Amino acid sequence: MEAKAELNYCSVSAQKMRLVIDLVRGKSAEEALSILRFTNKKAAEPVSKLITSAMANAENNFGMNREDLVIYQIMANDAPLRKWRRFGARGRFKPILRRSSHVKVVLREKA
């Protein structure tokens, strides 16, 4: 049995999100939440909310035990760019790329 949760169009870039995701990959869900609580990164809050949502899905939809859940798979992919522009000196154009990401987590019970 697998419990899944997805976060789409998060306003943190996928590269920065992967730094936080690598801290919790393969850990138990309770341990991952305690790690994320003390991680000083902007991406830590949305990832912890996503894991909490996946844990709630596992409990309510599949009747899994909360203490036995392990992060089986977690990944962050690029989402569409928001392109902004700023005008520079001498009539030049300076593009600004606002990156975002899609995050997906899959939880399983310990075997």
Protein backbone atom coordinates (compact mmCIF):
# COMPACT_ATOMS: atom_id res chain seq x y z
CA MET A 1 0.00 0.00 0.00
CA GLU A 2 1.18 3.48 -0.87
CA ALA A 3 -0.05 6.88 0.24
CA LYS A 4 0.69 9.80 -2.06
CA ALA A 5 0.53 13.58 -1.92
CA GLU A 6 1.52 16.25 -4.44
CA LEU A 7 2.39 19.92 -4.20
CA ASN A 8 2.11 21.83 -7.47
CA TYR A 9 3.43 25.27 -8.39
CA CYS A 10 5.41 25.86 -5.19
CA SER A 11 7.21 29.20 -5.37
CA VAL A 12 10.61 27.70 -4.44
CA SER A 13 12.92 26.56 -7.24
CA ALA A 14 13.37 22.83 -7.73
CA GLN A 15 17.11 23.08 -7.08
CA LYS A 16 16.56 24.65 -3.64
CA MET A 17 13.74 22.23 -2.91
CA ARG A 18 16.01 19.24 -3.63
CA LEU A 19 18.46 20.41 -0.95
CA VAL A 20 15.73 20.04 1.67
CA ILE A 21 14.27 16.86 0.17
CA ASP A 22 17.64 15.10 0.32
CA LEU A 23 17.66 15.54 4.11
CA VAL A 24 14.53 13.41 4.58
CA ARG A 25 14.68 10.84 1.77
CA GLY A 26 14.45 7.29 3.16
CA LYS A 27 13.69 8.37 6.74
CA SER A 28 10.58 7.56 8.72
CA ALA A 29 7.83 10.15 8.37
CA GLU A 30 7.90 11.20 12.04
CA GLU A 31 11.69 11.62 11.95
CA ALA A 32 11.44 13.62 8.71
CA LEU A 33 8.99 16.06 10.30
CA SER A 34 11.29 16.60 13.28
CA ILE A 35 14.25 17.22 10.93
CA LEU A 36 12.25 19.72 8.87
CA ARG A 37 11.04 21.55 11.96
CA PHE A 38 14.61 22.68 12.70
CA THR A 39 15.80 23.17 9.11
CA ASN A 40 16.47 26.83 8.35
CA LYS A 41 15.32 26.87 4.70
CA LYS A 42 12.27 28.39 3.02
CA ALA A 43 11.47 25.05 1.36
CA ALA A 44 11.23 23.19 4.69
CA GLU A 45 7.71 24.41 5.53
CA PRO A 46 5.96 23.31 2.30
CA VAL A 47 7.74 19.94 2.40
CA SER A 48 6.67 19.33 6.00
CA LYS A 49 3.07 20.24 5.14
CA LEU A 50 3.22 17.83 2.18
CA ILE A 51 4.51 14.97 4.34
CA THR A 52 1.83 15.69 6.94
CA SER A 53 -0.81 15.56 4.20
CA ALA A 54 0.53 12.23 2.91
CA MET A 55 0.46 10.85 6.46
CA ALA A 56 -3.16 11.93 6.84
CA ASN A 57 -4.00 10.27 3.51
CA ALA A 58 -2.36 7.05 4.70
CA GLU A 59 -4.28 7.05 7.99
CA ASN A 60 -7.71 8.06 6.70
CA ASN A 61 -7.83 6.37 3.30
CA PHE A 62 -5.81 3.19 3.85
CA GLY A 63 -5.85 2.66 7.62
CA MET A 64 -2.06 2.61 7.94
CA ASN A 65 -0.29 3.15 11.26
CA ARG A 66 1.32 6.59 11.59
CA GLU A 67 4.48 5.32 13.32
CA ASP A 68 5.24 2.71 10.62
CA LEU A 69 5.29 5.11 7.65
CA VAL A 70 8.53 5.60 5.72
CA ILE A 71 9.26 8.06 2.91
CA TYR A 72 9.59 5.64 0.01
CA GLN A 73 9.91 8.20 -2.76
CA ILE A 74 10.12 12.00 -2.83
CA MET A 75 11.04 14.18 -5.80
CA ALA A 76 10.97 17.78 -6.98
CA ASN A 77 10.58 18.72 -10.64
CA ASP A 78 10.61 22.04 -12.45
CA ALA A 79 7.33 23.88 -12.90
CA PRO A 80 6.68 26.64 -15.45
CA LEU A 81 8.75 29.82 -15.23
CA ARG A 82 7.27 33.23 -14.60
CA LYS A 83 9.19 35.67 -16.75
CA TRP A 84 9.53 39.22 -15.48
CA ARG A 85 11.53 42.07 -16.92
CA ARG A 86 13.50 44.94 -15.54
CA PHE A 87 14.85 47.77 -17.61
CA GLY A 88 18.54 48.51 -17.24
CA ALA A 89 20.87 51.30 -18.20
CA ARG A 90 21.23 52.45 -21.82
CA GLY A 91 17.86 51.04 -22.78
CA ARG A 92 18.84 47.46 -22.06
CA PHE A 93 16.52 44.73 -20.91
CA LYS A 94 17.23 42.51 -17.88
CA PRO A 95 15.09 39.36 -17.66
CA ILE A 96 14.12 37.89 -14.28
CA LEU A 97 13.11 34.23 -14.13
CA ARG A 98 10.90 33.29 -11.17
CA ARG A 99 11.24 29.54 -10.84
CA SER A 100 8.76 27.19 -9.22
CA SER A 101 8.52 23.46 -8.60
CA HIS A 102 6.24 20.43 -8.34
CA VAL A 103 6.89 18.07 -5.41
CA LYS A 104 5.59 14.51 -5.04
CA VAL A 105 5.90 12.20 -2.02
CA VAL A 106 5.04 8.51 -1.63
CA LEU A 107 4.82 6.86 1.81
CA ARG A 108 4.89 3.13 2.56
CA GLU A 109 4.74 1.04 5.69
CA LYS A 110 7.91 -0.57 7.03
CA ALA A 111 8.28 -4.13 5.79
